[in-house]
C-alpha atoms as a PDB file:
ATOM      1  CA  MET A   1      19.162  -2.305 -38.574  1.00  0.00           C
ATOM      2  CA  LYS A   2      21.665  -5.036 -37.652  1.00  0.00           C
ATOM      3  CA  LYS A   3      23.826  -2.534 -35.766  1.00  0.00           C
ATOM      4  CA  ALA A   4      20.857  -1.315 -33.721  1.00  0.00           C
ATOM      5  CA  PHE A   5      19.878  -4.881 -32.824  1.00  0.00           C
ATOM      6  CA  LEU A   6      23.460  -5.722 -31.885  1.00  0.00           C
ATOM      7  CA  ALA A   7      23.657  -2.600 -29.704  1.00  0.00           C
ATOM      8  CA  ILE A   8      20.457  -3.560 -27.872  1.00  0.00           C
ATOM      9  CA  VAL A   9      21.667  -7.126 -27.286  1.00  0.00           C
ATOM     10  CA  LEU A  10      25.050  -5.866 -26.063  1.00  0.00           C
ATOM     11  CA  ALA A  11      23.428  -3.334 -23.701  1.00  0.00           C
ATOM     12  CA  ALA A  12      21.156  -6.023 -22.262  1.00  0.00           C
ATOM     13  CA  GLY A  13      24.102  -8.373 -21.769  1.00  0.00           C
ATOM     14  CA  VAL A  14      26.258  -5.758 -20.059  1.00  0.00           C
ATOM     15  CA  SER A  15      23.473  -4.761 -17.683  1.00  0.00           C
ATOM     16  CA  GLY A  16      23.299  -8.281 -16.237  1.00  0.00           C
ATOM     17  CA  CYS A  17      20.233  -9.813 -14.756  1.00  0.00           C
ATOM     18  CA  THR A  18      18.895  -9.517 -11.221  1.00  0.00           C
ATOM     19  CA  SER A  19      15.609 -10.684  -9.823  1.00  0.00           C
ATOM     20  CA  VAL A  20      13.973 -10.162  -6.436  1.00  0.00           C
ATOM     21  CA  GLU A  21      10.791 -11.989  -5.492  1.00  0.00           C
ATOM     22  CA  SER A  22       8.937 -11.538  -2.234  1.00  0.00           C
ATOM     23  CA  ALA A  23       5.747 -12.659  -0.567  1.00  0.00           C
ATOM     24  CA  THR A  24       4.262 -11.045   2.516  1.00  0.00           C
ATOM     25  CA  VAL A  25       3.403 -13.472   5.285  1.00  0.00           C
ATOM     26  CA  ALA A  26       1.373 -13.494   8.478  1.00  0.00           C
ATOM     27  CA  SER A  27       3.706 -13.420  11.475  1.00  0.00           C
ATOM     28  CA  ASN A  28       1.655 -16.039  13.306  1.00  0.00           C
ATOM     29  CA  GLU A  29       2.101 -18.541  10.438  1.00  0.00           C
ATOM     30  CA  ILE A  30       5.863 -18.189   9.851  1.00  0.00           C
ATOM     31  CA  THR A  31       8.439 -18.318  12.619  1.00  0.00           C
ATOM     32  CA  ALA A  32      11.586 -16.225  12.326  1.00  0.00           C
ATOM     33  CA  ASN A  33      14.585 -15.820  14.574  1.00  0.00           C
ATOM     34  CA  GLY A  34      14.816 -12.399  16.171  1.00  0.00           C
ATOM     35  CA  GLY A  35      11.385 -10.943  15.662  1.00  0.00           C
ATOM     36  CA  GLU A  36       8.115 -10.835  13.764  1.00  0.00           C
ATOM     37  CA  ALA A  37       8.143 -12.203  10.194  1.00  0.00           C
ATOM     38  CA  VAL A  38       7.114  -9.697   7.520  1.00  0.00           C
ATOM     39  CA  ALA A  39       7.937 -11.422   4.213  1.00  0.00           C
ATOM     40  CA  VAL A  40       9.856 -14.209   2.533  1.00  0.00           C
ATOM     41  CA  ILE A  41      12.373 -12.852   0.014  1.00  0.00           C
ATOM     42  CA  GLN A  42      14.449 -14.519  -2.697  1.00  0.00           C
ATOM     43  CA  ALA A  43      17.133 -12.646  -4.672  1.00  0.00           C
ATOM     44  CA  THR A  44      19.040 -13.945  -7.700  1.00  0.00           C
ATOM     45  CA  SER A  45      21.750 -12.430  -9.882  1.00  0.00           C
ATOM     46  CA  ILE A  46      23.475 -13.621 -13.066  1.00  0.00           C
ATOM     47  CA  GLY A  47      26.784 -12.093 -14.122  1.00  0.00           C
ATOM     48  CA  TRP A  48      29.045 -12.199 -17.154  1.00  0.00           C
ATOM     49  CA  THR A  49      32.771 -13.031 -17.057  1.00  0.00           C
ATOM     50  CA  LEU A  50      35.527 -13.637 -19.574  1.00  0.00           C
ATOM     51  CA  ILE A  51      38.637 -15.834 -19.668  1.00  0.00           C
ATOM     52  CA  PHE A  52      38.181 -18.355 -16.858  1.00  0.00           C
ATOM     53  CA  HIS A  53      36.232 -15.864 -14.682  1.00  0.00           C
ATOM     54  CA  LEU A  54      39.242 -13.515 -14.490  1.00  0.00           C
ATOM     55  CA  VAL A  55      37.529 -10.497 -16.082  1.00  0.00           C
ATOM     56  CA  ASP A  56      34.166  -9.392 -14.656  1.00  0.00           C
ATOM     57  CA  ILE A  57      31.992  -7.635 -17.218  1.00  0.00           C
ATOM     58  CA  VAL A  58      28.903  -7.816 -14.979  1.00  0.00           C
ATOM     59  CA  THR A  59      29.466  -8.757 -11.335  1.00  0.00           C
ATOM     60  CA  SER A  60      27.414 -11.419  -9.600  1.00  0.00           C
ATOM     61  CA  ASP A  61      28.537 -12.310  -6.091  1.00  0.00           C
ATOM     62  CA  LEU A  62      27.175 -12.917  -2.605  1.00  0.00           C
ATOM     63  CA  ASP A  63      27.919  -9.357  -1.477  1.00  0.00           C
ATOM     64  CA  GLN A  64      25.657  -7.908  -4.160  1.00  0.00           C
ATOM     65  CA  VAL A  65      22.859 -10.446  -3.689  1.00  0.00           C
ATOM     66  CA  VAL A  66      22.745 -10.414   0.113  1.00  0.00           C
ATOM     67  CA  ASN A  67      23.587  -6.809   0.977  1.00  0.00           C
ATOM     68  CA  LYS A  68      22.062  -4.915  -1.930  1.00  0.00           C
ATOM     69  CA  LEU A  69      19.176  -7.020  -3.198  1.00  0.00           C
ATOM     70  CA  LEU A  70      17.957  -9.088  -0.219  1.00  0.00           C
ATOM     71  CA  VAL A  71      18.529  -6.558   2.580  1.00  0.00           C
ATOM     72  CA  GLY A  72      17.431  -3.666   0.348  1.00  0.00           C
ATOM     73  CA  GLU A  73      14.105  -5.347  -0.411  1.00  0.00           C
ATOM     74  CA  ALA A  74      13.585  -6.226   3.260  1.00  0.00           C
ATOM     75  CA  LYS A  75      14.118  -2.613   4.346  1.00  0.00           C
ATOM     76  CA  ALA A  76      11.779  -1.401   1.599  1.00  0.00           C
ATOM     77  CA  MET A  77       9.106  -3.701   3.069  1.00  0.00           C
ATOM     78  CA  GLY A  78       9.553  -2.197   6.551  1.00  0.00           C
ATOM     79  CA  ALA A  79      11.754  -4.883   8.083  1.00  0.00           C
ATOM     80  CA  THR A  80      14.739  -4.111  10.302  1.00  0.00           C
ATOM     81  CA  LYS A  81      16.778  -7.241   9.542  1.00  0.00           C
ATOM     82  CA  VAL A  82      16.833 -10.488   7.586  1.00  0.00           C
ATOM     83  CA  ASP A  83      16.899 -14.053   8.915  1.00  0.00           C
ATOM     84  CA  LEU A  84      19.092 -15.584   6.184  1.00  0.00           C
ATOM     85  CA  LYS A  85      17.955 -19.097   5.276  1.00  0.00           C
ATOM     86  CA  GLY A  86      20.344 -19.906   2.445  1.00  0.00           C
ATOM     87  CA  ALA A  87      22.802 -18.510  -0.076  1.00  0.00           C
ATOM     88  CA  TYR A  88      24.818 -19.820  -3.008  1.00  0.00           C
ATOM     89  CA  THR A  89      27.248 -18.627  -5.662  1.00  0.00           C
ATOM     90  CA  THR A  90      29.062 -20.157  -8.613  1.00  0.00           C
ATOM     91  CA  PRO A  91      32.593 -21.217  -7.626  1.00  0.00           C
ATOM     92  CA  ARG A  92      35.222 -19.371  -9.695  1.00  0.00           C
ATOM     93  CA  HIS A  93      38.579 -20.714  -8.541  1.00  0.00           C
ATOM     94  CA  GLY A  94      40.493 -23.953  -8.945  1.00  0.00           C
ATOM     95  CA  ILE A  95      38.982 -26.549 -11.231  1.00  0.00           C
ATOM     96  CA  PHE A  96      35.713 -24.553 -11.345  1.00  0.00           C
ATOM     97  CA  ALA A  97      37.445 -21.822 -13.383  1.00  0.00           C
ATOM     98  CA  LEU A  98      37.412 -24.184 -16.372  1.00  0.00           C
ATOM     99  CA  ALA A  99      33.622 -23.784 -16.586  1.00  0.00           C
ATOM    100  CA  GLY A 100      34.113 -20.120 -17.487  1.00  0.00           C
ATOM    101  CA  ASN A 101      36.683 -20.816 -20.208  1.00  0.00           C
ATOM    102  CA  LEU A 102      36.139 -18.079 -22.809  1.00  0.00           C
ATOM    103  CA  MET A 103      32.893 -16.685 -21.434  1.00  0.00           C
ATOM    104  CA  GLY A 104      31.056 -17.547 -18.229  1.00  0.00           C
ATOM    105  CA  PHE A 105      27.761 -16.691 -16.582  1.00  0.00           C
ATOM    106  CA  PRO A 106      28.175 -17.038 -12.803  1.00  0.00           C
ATOM    107  CA  SER A 107      25.068 -16.870 -10.667  1.00  0.00           C
ATOM    108  CA  SER A 108      24.427 -16.020  -7.032  1.00  0.00           C
ATOM    109  CA  GLY A 109      21.327 -16.239  -4.905  1.00  0.00           C
ATOM    110  CA  ALA A 110      20.060 -15.801  -1.375  1.00  0.00           C
ATOM    111  CA  MET A 111      16.795 -16.355   0.447  1.00  0.00           C
ATOM    112  CA  GLY A 112      15.606 -15.206   3.811  1.00  0.00           C
ATOM    113  CA  ILE A 113      12.787 -13.959   6.006  1.00  0.00           C
ATOM    114  CA  ALA A 114      12.364 -10.229   6.519  1.00  0.00           C
ATOM    115  CA  VAL A 115      11.957  -9.564  10.253  1.00  0.00           C
ATOM    116  CA  LYS A 116      10.656  -6.560  12.252  1.00  0.00           C
END
């Protein structure tokens, strides 16, 4: 029983955590650069690293959040591009590496407006 529980917890930890939230909007109520607004989208990802962020067990970076999650959701909603409003990621180098001493959980996120 304990081994099965441990296996489930380990599998959940290795899979990481991503979240994409979206809300459709009326194009006459939201202004967007480059076209007609379709939706507002927010994407977040949490990773898992070891030893001062040197070993990635589960990756969480801006490339994944912006290109895969945010743009992927926008295209699934019928948009042709995204008007990026903001993005962030956990710093991993320099003094910030100390925050991921033995085990770290870096996070990344992006938000934007899906545009037709």
